[in-house]
Amino acid sequence: MKRPSLLQVGLGAFATAAILRTALPFVSEDISGMFVSPAEAADAEQTDGSSNCEPPEVLMRAIREERELLAAQKEHAAAREAELALLDERLAAETSRLDALREELSGLLDQAETAQNADLDRLVALYRNMKPEEAALIMNDLDLEVSILVLGTMPERDAAPIMARLSPVRARAISKIILERAQLPGDQDLSGIRID
């Protein structure tokens, strides 16, 4: 950086003096009012600061109230947390109980289905071992649903002679129901079935 020459420094000082001389008439004659002594400044700061500040008792009361509010909120949160933990325990116990019931029910349904299938297999075996005329005579008077279950479970070679000896109305009804039960429920057409 280049240092200013002596001429530049002199011109700068002359310009500053001219500006000050021009501004001096606008400044009040009492220059002492422009400057504040350190004691006056300290007094002014003290009076200004005390007017904005609340008394210590008010601050202490506000702090105490804030602490009480926080303590109450903390107690409420702890109580809520304990309540949620209790509800979580109850939910876990209820879920466990329902799972046990579901397993028990599933076991009972499996047992019932196994027993029903075993009964149906025995019934089918009984009708297969009968003469077709005797089986047809019984099935003509048997409940339609049972007849359908037995004949639908039987191999075709054993069911055909029995169906041939059933009454024509009953044979048609059983045939139509066996055919339609493979359809979707909306596609089934069981109208016009006569059983007598």
N, C-alpha and C. Protein backbone atom coordinates (compact mmCIF):
# COMPACT_ATOMS: atom_id res chain seq x y z
N MET A 1 0.83 -1.17 0.00
CA MET A 1 0.00 0.00 0.00
C MET A 1 0.88 1.24 0.00
N LYS A 2 0.53 2.24 -0.75
CA LYS A 2 1.32 3.46 -0.93
C LYS A 2 0.94 4.48 0.13
N ARG A 3 1.94 5.11 0.76
CA ARG A 3 1.70 6.10 1.81
C ARG A 3 1.30 7.42 1.17
N PRO A 4 0.34 8.16 1.82
CA PRO A 4 -0.07 9.45 1.24
C PRO A 4 1.07 10.47 1.36
N SER A 5 1.13 11.33 0.40
CA SER A 5 2.18 12.36 0.42
C SER A 5 1.82 13.44 1.43
N LEU A 6 2.79 14.26 1.75
CA LEU A 6 2.61 15.34 2.71
C LEU A 6 1.57 16.33 2.22
N LEU A 7 1.54 16.56 0.95
CA LEU A 7 0.56 17.48 0.37
C LEU A 7 -0.85 16.93 0.55
N GLN A 8 -1.06 15.63 0.35
CA GLN A 8 -2.38 15.02 0.51
C GLN A 8 -2.84 15.10 1.96
N VAL A 9 -1.93 14.91 2.91
CA VAL A 9 -2.29 14.97 4.32
C VAL A 9 -2.69 16.40 4.68
N GLY A 10 -1.96 17.37 4.19
CA GLY A 10 -2.28 18.77 4.47
C GLY A 10 -3.62 19.17 3.91
N LEU A 11 -3.91 18.77 2.67
CA LEU A 11 -5.19 19.09 2.06
C LEU A 11 -6.34 18.44 2.84
N GLY A 12 -6.13 17.23 3.34
CA GLY A 12 -7.17 16.54 4.12
C GLY A 12 -7.44 17.27 5.42
N ALA A 13 -6.38 17.74 6.10
CA ALA A 13 -6.56 18.46 7.35
C ALA A 13 -7.27 19.78 7.11
N PHE A 14 -6.89 20.47 6.02
CA PHE A 14 -7.52 21.75 5.69
C PHE A 14 -9.01 21.55 5.40
N ALA A 15 -9.38 20.50 4.70
CA ALA A 15 -10.79 20.22 4.37
C ALA A 15 -11.57 19.90 5.64
N THR A 16 -10.99 19.16 6.57
CA THR A 16 -11.66 18.81 7.82
C THR A 16 -11.92 20.06 8.65
N ALA A 17 -10.92 20.96 8.70
CA ALA A 17 -11.08 22.20 9.46
C ALA A 17 -12.17 23.06 8.86
N ALA A 18 -12.25 23.11 7.55
CA ALA A 18 -13.28 23.91 6.89
C ALA A 18 -14.66 23.35 7.20
N ILE A 19 -14.81 22.06 7.21
CA ILE A 19 -16.11 21.44 7.49
C ILE A 19 -16.52 21.73 8.93
N LEU A 20 -15.58 21.64 9.86
CA LEU A 20 -15.89 21.91 11.26
C LEU A 20 -16.27 23.37 11.47
N ARG A 21 -15.57 24.30 10.82
CA ARG A 21 -15.86 25.71 10.97
C ARG A 21 -17.24 26.02 10.42
N THR A 22 -17.65 25.34 9.36
CA THR A 22 -18.96 25.56 8.77
C THR A 22 -20.05 24.99 9.69
N ALA A 23 -19.83 23.88 10.34
CA ALA A 23 -20.83 23.23 11.17
C ALA A 23 -20.93 23.83 12.56
N LEU A 24 -19.94 24.56 13.02
CA LEU A 24 -19.90 25.10 14.37
C LEU A 24 -21.04 26.04 14.69
N PRO A 25 -21.51 26.93 13.80
CA PRO A 25 -22.63 27.80 14.16
C PRO A 25 -23.93 27.03 14.43
N PHE A 26 -24.10 25.84 13.88
CA PHE A 26 -25.33 25.06 14.08
C PHE A 26 -25.37 24.35 15.42
N VAL A 27 -24.24 24.19 16.03
CA VAL A 27 -24.16 23.49 17.31
C VAL A 27 -24.48 24.48 18.41
N SER A 28 -25.15 24.05 19.45
CA SER A 28 -25.54 24.90 20.57
C SER A 28 -24.29 25.46 21.24
N GLU A 29 -24.43 26.60 21.84
CA GLU A 29 -23.32 27.28 22.48
C GLU A 29 -22.84 26.53 23.70
N ASP A 30 -23.74 25.73 24.35
CA ASP A 30 -23.37 25.01 25.56
C ASP A 30 -22.85 23.63 25.15
N ILE A 31 -21.55 23.57 24.94
CA ILE A 31 -20.92 22.33 24.50
C ILE A 31 -20.86 21.33 25.65
N SER A 32 -20.90 21.80 26.87
CA SER A 32 -20.81 20.88 28.00
C SER A 32 -22.00 19.92 28.03
N GLY A 33 -23.14 20.30 27.45
CA GLY A 33 -24.33 19.43 27.41
C GLY A 33 -24.15 18.27 26.46
N MET A 34 -23.17 18.40 25.54
CA MET A 34 -22.96 17.32 24.57
C MET A 34 -22.26 16.13 25.21
N PHE A 35 -21.51 16.39 26.25
CA PHE A 35 -20.75 15.32 26.89
C PHE A 35 -21.34 15.03 28.25
N VAL A 36 -21.44 13.76 28.63
CA VAL A 36 -22.01 13.34 29.91
C VAL A 36 -20.87 12.81 30.77
N SER A 37 -20.87 13.20 32.01
CA SER A 37 -19.82 12.73 32.91
C SER A 37 -20.08 11.27 33.27
N PRO A 38 -19.07 10.51 33.67
CA PRO A 38 -19.27 9.10 34.00
C PRO A 38 -20.26 8.89 35.14
N ALA A 39 -20.30 9.77 36.13
CA ALA A 39 -21.24 9.62 37.25
C ALA A 39 -22.66 9.79 36.79
N GLU A 40 -22.89 10.78 35.91
CA GLU A 40 -24.24 10.99 35.39
C GLU A 40 -24.68 9.79 34.55
N ALA A 41 -23.76 9.25 33.77
CA ALA A 41 -24.09 8.09 32.94
C ALA A 41 -24.46 6.89 33.80
N ALA A 42 -23.73 6.68 34.92
CA ALA A 42 -24.03 5.56 35.82
C ALA A 42 -25.39 5.73 36.46
N ASP A 43 -25.71 6.97 36.89
CA ASP A 43 -27.03 7.22 37.48
C ASP A 43 -28.14 6.99 36.47
N ALA A 44 -27.91 7.46 35.24
CA ALA A 44 -28.93 7.31 34.20
C ALA A 44 -29.17 5.84 33.89
N GLU A 45 -28.10 5.04 33.82
CA GLU A 45 -28.26 3.61 33.54
C GLU A 45 -28.99 2.92 34.68
N GLN A 46 -28.69 3.33 35.91
CA GLN A 46 -29.31 2.70 37.07
C GLN A 46 -30.80 2.99 37.12
N THR A 47 -31.19 4.22 36.87
CA THR A 47 -32.61 4.54 36.91
C THR A 47 -33.34 3.93 35.73
N ASP A 48 -32.72 3.90 34.55
CA ASP A 48 -33.37 3.30 33.39
C ASP A 48 -33.52 1.79 33.58
N GLY A 49 -32.52 1.13 34.10
CA GLY A 49 -32.56 -0.33 34.27
C GLY A 49 -33.56 -0.73 35.33
N SER A 50 -33.72 0.02 36.38
CA SER A 50 -34.63 -0.37 37.45
C SER A 50 -36.08 -0.19 37.05
N SER A 51 -36.35 0.69 36.12
CA SER A 51 -37.75 0.90 35.71
C SER A 51 -38.26 -0.27 34.88
N ASN A 52 -37.37 -0.99 34.16
CA ASN A 52 -37.79 -2.12 33.32
C ASN A 52 -37.77 -3.44 34.07
N CYS A 53 -37.07 -3.53 35.15
CA CYS A 53 -36.88 -4.78 35.88
C CYS A 53 -37.96 -4.92 36.97
N GLU A 54 -38.48 -6.16 37.12
CA GLU A 54 -39.48 -6.41 38.14
C GLU A 54 -38.79 -6.67 39.47
N PRO A 55 -39.49 -6.47 40.55
CA PRO A 55 -38.90 -6.72 41.87
C PRO A 55 -38.57 -8.21 42.03
N PRO A 56 -37.58 -8.56 42.83
CA PRO A 56 -37.17 -9.95 43.00
C PRO A 56 -38.29 -10.85 43.51
N GLU A 57 -39.20 -10.33 44.34
CA GLU A 57 -40.28 -11.16 44.86
C GLU A 57 -41.19 -11.64 43.72
N VAL A 58 -41.46 -10.74 42.78
CA VAL A 58 -42.32 -11.10 41.64
C VAL A 58 -41.65 -12.16 40.79
N LEU A 59 -40.35 -11.98 40.55
CA LEU A 59 -39.61 -12.96 39.76
C LEU A 59 -39.58 -14.31 40.47
N MET A 60 -39.34 -14.31 41.76
CA MET A 60 -39.29 -15.56 42.52
C MET A 60 -40.65 -16.27 42.50
N ARG A 61 -41.73 -15.50 42.62
CA ARG A 61 -43.07 -16.08 42.57
C ARG A 61 -43.33 -16.69 41.19
N ALA A 62 -42.92 -15.99 40.13
CA ALA A 62 -43.11 -16.51 38.77
C ALA A 62 -42.31 -17.80 38.57
N ILE A 63 -41.09 -17.82 39.08
CA ILE A 63 -40.26 -19.02 38.97
C ILE A 63 -40.88 -20.17 39.75
N ARG A 64 -41.38 -19.88 40.95
CA ARG A 64 -42.01 -20.91 41.79
C ARG A 64 -43.25 -21.48 41.08
N GLU A 65 -44.06 -20.59 40.50
CA GLU A 65 -45.27 -21.04 39.80
C GLU A 65 -44.90 -21.90 38.59
N GLU A 66 -43.85 -21.50 37.89
CA GLU A 66 -43.41 -22.27 36.73
C GLU A 66 -42.92 -23.66 37.16
N ARG A 67 -42.19 -23.71 38.27
CA ARG A 67 -41.72 -25.00 38.79
C ARG A 67 -42.90 -25.88 39.21
N GLU A 68 -43.90 -25.29 39.86
CA GLU A 68 -45.08 -26.06 40.28
C GLU A 68 -45.82 -26.60 39.06
N LEU A 69 -45.93 -25.76 38.03
CA LEU A 69 -46.60 -26.20 36.81
C LEU A 69 -45.83 -27.35 36.16
N LEU A 70 -44.51 -27.23 36.10
CA LEU A 70 -43.70 -28.31 35.53
C LEU A 70 -43.81 -29.58 36.35
N ALA A 71 -43.83 -29.45 37.68
CA ALA A 71 -43.98 -30.63 38.54
C ALA A 71 -45.33 -31.30 38.31
N ALA A 72 -46.39 -30.50 38.17
CA ALA A 72 -47.73 -31.06 37.92
C ALA A 72 -47.76 -31.76 36.57
N GLN A 73 -47.14 -31.15 35.57
CA GLN A 73 -47.10 -31.78 34.25
C GLN A 73 -46.31 -33.08 34.28
N LYS A 74 -45.22 -33.08 35.05
CA LYS A 74 -44.40 -34.29 35.17
C LYS A 74 -45.20 -35.40 35.85
N GLU A 75 -45.95 -35.06 36.91
CA GLU A 75 -46.79 -36.04 37.60
C GLU A 75 -47.87 -36.59 36.67
N HIS A 76 -48.49 -35.69 35.90
CA HIS A 76 -49.53 -36.11 34.96
C HIS A 76 -48.94 -37.05 33.90
N ALA A 77 -47.75 -36.71 33.40
CA ALA A 77 -47.11 -37.55 32.39
C ALA A 77 -46.75 -38.92 32.98
N ALA A 78 -46.27 -38.94 34.22
CA ALA A 78 -45.93 -40.21 34.87
C ALA A 78 -47.18 -41.06 35.09
N ALA A 79 -48.28 -40.42 35.50
CA ALA A 79 -49.54 -41.16 35.70
C ALA A 79 -50.04 -41.71 34.38
N ARG A 80 -49.95 -40.92 33.34
CA ARG A 80 -50.40 -41.35 32.00
C ARG A 80 -49.54 -42.51 31.51
N GLU A 81 -48.24 -42.43 31.76
CA GLU A 81 -47.34 -43.50 31.35
C GLU A 81 -47.66 -44.79 32.09
N ALA A 82 -47.94 -44.69 33.38
CA ALA A 82 -48.32 -45.88 34.17
C ALA A 82 -49.63 -46.46 33.66
N GLU A 83 -50.57 -45.59 33.33
CA GLU A 83 -51.86 -46.03 32.81
C GLU A 83 -51.67 -46.75 31.47
N LEU A 84 -50.82 -46.20 30.61
CA LEU A 84 -50.56 -46.84 29.32
C LEU A 84 -49.86 -48.18 29.49
N ALA A 85 -48.95 -48.27 30.45
CA ALA A 85 -48.27 -49.54 30.72
C ALA A 85 -49.27 -50.59 31.19
N LEU A 86 -50.21 -50.18 32.04
CA LEU A 86 -51.24 -51.10 32.53
C LEU A 86 -52.14 -51.56 31.37
N LEU A 87 -52.53 -50.62 30.52
CA LEU A 87 -53.35 -50.98 29.36
C LEU A 87 -52.59 -51.91 28.42
N ASP A 88 -51.30 -51.67 28.27
CA ASP A 88 -50.47 -52.53 27.42
C ASP A 88 -50.42 -53.95 27.99
N GLU A 89 -50.29 -54.05 29.31
CA GLU A 89 -50.31 -55.36 29.98
C GLU A 89 -51.64 -56.07 29.75
N ARG A 90 -52.73 -55.32 29.94
CA ARG A 90 -54.06 -55.92 29.74
C ARG A 90 -54.24 -56.38 28.30
N LEU A 91 -53.76 -55.56 27.36
CA LEU A 91 -53.88 -55.92 25.94
C LEU A 91 -53.08 -57.18 25.64
N ALA A 92 -51.88 -57.28 26.19
CA ALA A 92 -51.05 -58.47 25.98
C ALA A 92 -51.73 -59.71 26.57
N ALA A 93 -52.31 -59.57 27.76
CA ALA A 93 -53.01 -60.70 28.39
C ALA A 93 -54.23 -61.11 27.57
N GLU A 94 -54.99 -60.13 27.09
CA GLU A 94 -56.19 -60.43 26.29
C GLU A 94 -55.79 -61.07 24.96
N THR A 95 -54.72 -60.58 24.35
CA THR A 95 -54.25 -61.16 23.10
C THR A 95 -53.82 -62.61 23.32
N SER A 96 -53.13 -62.85 24.41
CA SER A 96 -52.70 -64.21 24.73
C SER A 96 -53.91 -65.12 24.95
N ARG A 97 -54.91 -64.62 25.67
CA ARG A 97 -56.12 -65.41 25.93
C ARG A 97 -56.85 -65.72 24.63
N LEU A 98 -56.95 -64.72 23.74
CA LEU A 98 -57.64 -64.93 22.46
C LEU A 98 -56.87 -65.91 21.57
N ASP A 99 -55.54 -65.84 21.61
CA ASP A 99 -54.74 -66.80 20.84
C ASP A 99 -54.97 -68.22 21.34
N ALA A 100 -55.03 -68.38 22.67
CA ALA A 100 -55.29 -69.71 23.25
C ALA A 100 -56.68 -70.21 22.84
N LEU A 101 -57.68 -69.31 22.88
CA LEU A 101 -59.03 -69.70 22.47
C LEU A 101 -59.07 -70.07 20.99
N ARG A 102 -58.34 -69.31 20.17
CA ARG A 102 -58.32 -69.60 18.74
C ARG A 102 -57.71 -70.98 18.48
N GLU A 103 -56.62 -71.29 19.18
CA GLU A 103 -56.00 -72.60 19.03
C GLU A 103 -56.94 -73.71 19.50
N GLU A 104 -57.62 -73.48 20.62
CA GLU A 104 -58.55 -74.48 21.14
C GLU A 104 -59.71 -74.70 20.16
N LEU A 105 -60.25 -73.60 19.64
CA LEU A 105 -61.35 -73.70 18.68
C LEU A 105 -60.91 -74.40 17.40
N SER A 106 -59.71 -74.06 16.95
CA SER A 106 -59.19 -74.71 15.75
C SER A 106 -59.04 -76.22 15.97
N GLY A 107 -58.56 -76.59 17.16
CA GLY A 107 -58.44 -78.01 17.49
C GLY A 107 -59.79 -78.70 17.53
N LEU A 108 -60.78 -78.03 18.12
CA LEU A 108 -62.13 -78.62 18.18
C LEU A 108 -62.74 -78.76 16.79
N LEU A 109 -62.54 -77.75 15.95
CA LEU A 109 -63.06 -77.84 14.58
C LEU A 109 -62.38 -78.96 13.80
N ASP A 110 -61.08 -79.11 13.99
CA ASP A 110 -60.37 -80.21 13.33
C ASP A 110 -60.90 -81.56 13.81
N GLN A 111 -61.14 -81.67 15.12
CA GLN A 111 -61.69 -82.93 15.66
C GLN A 111 -63.07 -83.21 15.08
N ALA A 112 -63.91 -82.18 15.02
CA ALA A 112 -65.27 -82.36 14.50
C ALA A 112 -65.23 -82.75 13.03
N GLU A 113 -64.34 -82.10 12.27
CA GLU A 113 -64.24 -82.43 10.84
C GLU A 113 -63.72 -83.85 10.65
N THR A 114 -62.74 -84.23 11.45
CA THR A 114 -62.21 -85.59 11.37
C THR A 114 -63.29 -86.62 11.72
N ALA A 115 -64.05 -86.33 12.77
CA ALA A 115 -65.12 -87.25 13.17
C ALA A 115 -66.20 -87.33 12.09
N GLN A 116 -66.55 -86.18 11.51
CA GLN A 116 -67.57 -86.18 10.46
C GLN A 116 -67.09 -86.96 9.24
N ASN A 117 -65.83 -86.74 8.87
CA ASN A 117 -65.29 -87.47 7.72
C ASN A 117 -65.23 -88.98 7.99
N ALA A 118 -64.88 -89.33 9.22
CA ALA A 118 -64.84 -90.76 9.58
C ALA A 118 -66.24 -91.36 9.53
N ASP A 119 -67.23 -90.62 10.03
CA ASP A 119 -68.62 -91.10 9.98
C ASP A 119 -69.09 -91.25 8.54
N LEU A 120 -68.76 -90.25 7.72
CA LEU A 120 -69.16 -90.32 6.31
C LEU A 120 -68.49 -91.49 5.61
N ASP A 121 -67.21 -91.72 5.91
CA ASP A 121 -66.51 -92.85 5.29
C ASP A 121 -67.14 -94.18 5.71
N ARG A 122 -67.53 -94.29 6.99
CA ARG A 122 -68.20 -95.52 7.45
C ARG A 122 -69.55 -95.71 6.74
N LEU A 123 -70.30 -94.60 6.62
CA LEU A 123 -71.60 -94.68 5.96
C LEU A 123 -71.45 -95.07 4.49
N VAL A 124 -70.47 -94.48 3.82
CA VAL A 124 -70.21 -94.84 2.42
C VAL A 124 -69.84 -96.32 2.32
N ALA A 125 -69.00 -96.78 3.24
CA ALA A 125 -68.60 -98.20 3.22
C ALA A 125 -69.81 -99.10 3.44
N LEU A 126 -70.73 -98.69 4.32
CA LEU A 126 -71.94 -99.49 4.54
C LEU A 126 -72.77 -99.60 3.26
N TYR A 127 -73.02 -98.46 2.61
CA TYR A 127 -73.85 -98.49 1.39
C TYR A 127 -73.15 -99.20 0.24
N ARG A 128 -71.83 -99.14 0.20
CA ARG A 128 -71.09 -99.85 -0.85
C ARG A 128 -71.21 -101.36 -0.67
N ASN A 129 -71.28 -101.80 0.57
CA ASN A 129 -71.36 -103.24 0.85
C ASN A 129 -72.78 -103.79 0.72
N MET A 130 -73.78 -102.91 0.62
CA MET A 130 -75.16 -103.36 0.42
C MET A 130 -75.39 -103.70 -1.04
N LYS A 131 -76.46 -104.43 -1.26
CA LYS A 131 -76.89 -104.66 -2.64
C LYS A 131 -77.49 -103.35 -3.14
N PRO A 132 -77.30 -102.99 -4.42
CA PRO A 132 -77.81 -101.71 -4.94
C PRO A 132 -79.30 -101.53 -4.74
N GLU A 133 -80.09 -102.62 -4.83
CA GLU A 133 -81.53 -102.48 -4.65
C GLU A 133 -81.86 -102.05 -3.23
N GLU A 134 -81.18 -102.65 -2.25
CA GLU A 134 -81.43 -102.31 -0.85
C GLU A 134 -80.98 -100.88 -0.53
N ALA A 135 -79.80 -100.50 -1.05
CA ALA A 135 -79.28 -99.14 -0.81
C ALA A 135 -80.22 -98.11 -1.44
N ALA A 136 -80.73 -98.38 -2.64
CA ALA A 136 -81.63 -97.44 -3.32
C ALA A 136 -82.94 -97.32 -2.56
N LEU A 137 -83.43 -98.43 -2.03
CA LEU A 137 -84.67 -98.40 -1.28
C LEU A 137 -84.53 -97.51 -0.04
N ILE A 138 -83.40 -97.60 0.65
CA ILE A 138 -83.17 -96.76 1.84
C ILE A 138 -82.97 -95.30 1.42
N MET A 139 -82.20 -95.06 0.35
CA MET A 139 -81.89 -93.69 -0.07
C MET A 139 -83.11 -92.96 -0.62
N ASN A 140 -84.10 -93.69 -1.10
CA ASN A 140 -85.31 -93.02 -1.56
C ASN A 140 -86.01 -92.31 -0.41
N ASP A 141 -85.87 -92.84 0.80
CA ASP A 141 -86.51 -92.23 1.96
C ASP A 141 -85.54 -91.42 2.83
N LEU A 142 -84.25 -91.49 2.51
CA LEU A 142 -83.22 -90.80 3.30
C LEU A 142 -83.24 -89.30 3.01
N ASP A 143 -82.73 -88.53 3.96
CA ASP A 143 -82.60 -87.09 3.77
C ASP A 143 -81.78 -86.82 2.50
N LEU A 144 -82.21 -85.86 1.71
CA LEU A 144 -81.57 -85.58 0.43
C LEU A 144 -80.09 -85.20 0.61
N GLU A 145 -79.80 -84.42 1.62
CA GLU A 145 -78.41 -83.98 1.85
C GLU A 145 -77.50 -85.18 2.15
N VAL A 146 -77.99 -86.12 2.96
CA VAL A 146 -77.19 -87.30 3.29
C VAL A 146 -77.01 -88.16 2.04
N SER A 147 -78.06 -88.30 1.25
CA SER A 147 -77.96 -89.08 0.01
C SER A 147 -76.91 -88.48 -0.91
N ILE A 148 -76.90 -87.15 -1.02
CA ILE A 148 -75.93 -86.47 -1.89
C ILE A 148 -74.51 -86.67 -1.35
N LEU A 149 -74.33 -86.55 -0.03
CA LEU A 149 -73.00 -86.75 0.55
C LEU A 149 -72.50 -88.17 0.31
N VAL A 150 -73.36 -89.15 0.52
CA VAL A 150 -72.94 -90.54 0.37
C VAL A 150 -72.64 -90.85 -1.10
N LEU A 151 -73.56 -90.51 -1.98
CA LEU A 151 -73.35 -90.82 -3.40
C LEU A 151 -72.22 -89.98 -4.01
N GLY A 152 -72.05 -88.74 -3.53
CA GLY A 152 -70.98 -87.90 -4.05
C GLY A 152 -69.61 -88.34 -3.58
N THR A 153 -69.54 -89.04 -2.45
CA THR A 153 -68.26 -89.51 -1.93
C THR A 153 -67.91 -90.90 -2.48
N MET A 154 -68.91 -91.65 -2.83
CA MET A 154 -68.72 -93.01 -3.33
C MET A 154 -68.04 -92.99 -4.70
N PRO A 155 -67.22 -94.00 -4.97
CA PRO A 155 -66.69 -94.11 -6.34
C PRO A 155 -67.86 -94.32 -7.32
N GLU A 156 -67.67 -93.82 -8.54
CA GLU A 156 -68.77 -93.85 -9.53
C GLU A 156 -69.23 -95.28 -9.81
N ARG A 157 -68.31 -96.23 -9.80
CA ARG A 157 -68.67 -97.61 -10.10
C ARG A 157 -69.64 -98.17 -9.07
N ASP A 158 -69.53 -97.72 -7.82
CA ASP A 158 -70.43 -98.19 -6.76
C ASP A 158 -71.71 -97.35 -6.70
N ALA A 159 -71.63 -96.05 -7.05
CA ALA A 159 -72.79 -95.17 -6.95
C ALA A 159 -73.76 -95.37 -8.11
N ALA A 160 -73.25 -95.73 -9.28
CA ALA A 160 -74.11 -95.85 -10.47
C ALA A 160 -75.23 -96.88 -10.31
N PRO A 161 -74.96 -98.09 -9.82
CA PRO A 161 -76.07 -99.04 -9.68
C PRO A 161 -77.13 -98.58 -8.69
N ILE A 162 -76.70 -97.87 -7.63
CA ILE A 162 -77.66 -97.37 -6.65
C ILE A 162 -78.51 -96.28 -7.28
N MET A 163 -77.87 -95.35 -8.02
CA MET A 163 -78.61 -94.25 -8.67
C MET A 163 -79.61 -94.81 -9.69
N ALA A 164 -79.25 -95.90 -10.35
CA ALA A 164 -80.13 -96.49 -11.36
C ALA A 164 -81.40 -97.05 -10.73
N ARG A 165 -81.34 -97.42 -9.48
CA ARG A 165 -82.50 -98.01 -8.83
C ARG A 165 -83.29 -97.01 -7.98
N LEU A 166 -82.81 -95.75 -7.88
CA LEU A 166 -83.57 -94.70 -7.17
C LEU A 166 -84.78 -94.30 -7.99
N SER A 167 -85.75 -93.65 -7.34
CA SER A 167 -86.89 -93.13 -8.09
C SER A 167 -86.36 -92.07 -9.06
N PRO A 168 -86.96 -91.94 -10.25
CA PRO A 168 -86.45 -91.00 -11.25
C PRO A 168 -86.40 -89.55 -10.75
N VAL A 169 -87.38 -89.13 -9.97
CA VAL A 169 -87.39 -87.75 -9.45
C VAL A 169 -86.22 -87.55 -8.51
N ARG A 170 -86.00 -88.51 -7.64
CA ARG A 170 -84.90 -88.41 -6.67
C ARG A 170 -83.55 -88.47 -7.38
N ALA A 171 -83.41 -89.32 -8.35
CA ALA A 171 -82.15 -89.45 -9.10
C ALA A 171 -81.84 -88.15 -9.84
N ARG A 172 -82.87 -87.53 -10.44
CA ARG A 172 -82.66 -86.23 -11.13
C ARG A 172 -82.23 -85.15 -10.14
N ALA A 173 -82.89 -85.07 -8.98
CA ALA A 173 -82.55 -84.04 -7.99
C ALA A 173 -81.12 -84.22 -7.49
N ILE A 174 -80.73 -85.46 -7.18
CA ILE A 174 -79.37 -85.71 -6.70
C ILE A 174 -78.36 -85.39 -7.79
N SER A 175 -78.64 -85.77 -9.01
CA SER A 175 -77.72 -85.49 -10.13
C SER A 175 -77.53 -83.99 -10.32
N LYS A 176 -78.62 -83.24 -10.31
CA LYS A 176 -78.54 -81.79 -10.53
C LYS A 176 -77.77 -81.11 -9.39
N ILE A 177 -78.03 -81.52 -8.15
CA ILE A 177 -77.34 -80.90 -7.01
C ILE A 177 -75.85 -81.23 -7.04
N ILE A 178 -75.50 -82.48 -7.36
CA ILE A 178 -74.08 -82.84 -7.44
C ILE A 178 -73.40 -82.03 -8.53
N LEU A 179 -74.07 -81.82 -9.64
CA LEU A 179 -73.50 -81.03 -10.74
C LEU A 179 -73.36 -79.55 -10.34
N GLU A 180 -74.37 -78.99 -9.71
CA GLU A 180 -74.38 -77.56 -9.40
C GLU A 180 -73.48 -77.19 -8.22
N ARG A 181 -73.21 -78.13 -7.32
CA ARG A 181 -72.41 -77.75 -6.15
C ARG A 181 -70.96 -77.43 -6.52
N ALA A 182 -70.51 -77.83 -7.68
CA ALA A 182 -69.16 -77.48 -8.13
C ALA A 182 -69.10 -76.06 -8.68
N GLN A 183 -70.27 -75.47 -8.96
CA GLN A 183 -70.33 -74.11 -9.50
C GLN A 183 -70.14 -73.09 -8.38
N LEU A 184 -69.79 -71.88 -8.78
CA LEU A 184 -69.74 -70.78 -7.82
C LEU A 184 -71.16 -70.48 -7.36
N PRO A 185 -71.33 -69.96 -6.14
CA PRO A 185 -72.68 -69.71 -5.63
C PRO A 185 -73.54 -68.86 -6.56
N GLY A 186 -72.96 -67.91 -7.24
CA GLY A 186 -73.75 -67.07 -8.14
C GLY A 186 -74.14 -67.79 -9.42
N ASP A 187 -73.40 -68.84 -9.76
CA ASP A 187 -73.67 -69.58 -11.00
C ASP A 187 -74.57 -70.79 -10.79
N GLN A 188 -74.86 -71.13 -9.55
CA GLN A 188 -75.67 -72.31 -9.28
C GLN A 188 -77.13 -72.04 -9.64
N ASP A 189 -77.75 -73.04 -10.25
CA ASP A 189 -79.17 -72.94 -10.59
C ASP A 189 -79.87 -74.16 -10.02
N LEU A 190 -80.43 -74.01 -8.84
CA LEU A 190 -81.11 -75.12 -8.18
C LEU A 190 -82.62 -75.01 -8.28
N SER A 191 -83.09 -74.18 -9.19
CA SER A 191 -84.54 -74.03 -9.34
C SER A 191 -85.11 -75.24 -10.08
N GLY A 192 -86.30 -75.56 -9.77
CA GLY A 192 -87.00 -76.65 -10.44
C GLY A 192 -86.64 -78.03 -9.92
N ILE A 193 -85.94 -78.10 -8.82
CA ILE A 193 -85.59 -79.42 -8.26
C ILE A 193 -86.77 -79.92 -7.44
N ARG A 194 -87.22 -81.11 -7.80
CA ARG A 194 -88.29 -81.75 -7.04
C ARG A 194 -87.70 -82.96 -6.36
N ILE A 195 -88.11 -83.20 -5.12
CA ILE A 195 -87.60 -84.37 -4.41
C ILE A 195 -88.68 -85.41 -4.14
N ASP A 196 -89.91 -85.10 -4.45
CA ASP A 196 -90.98 -86.09 -4.23
C ASP A 196 -91.57 -86.53 -5.52
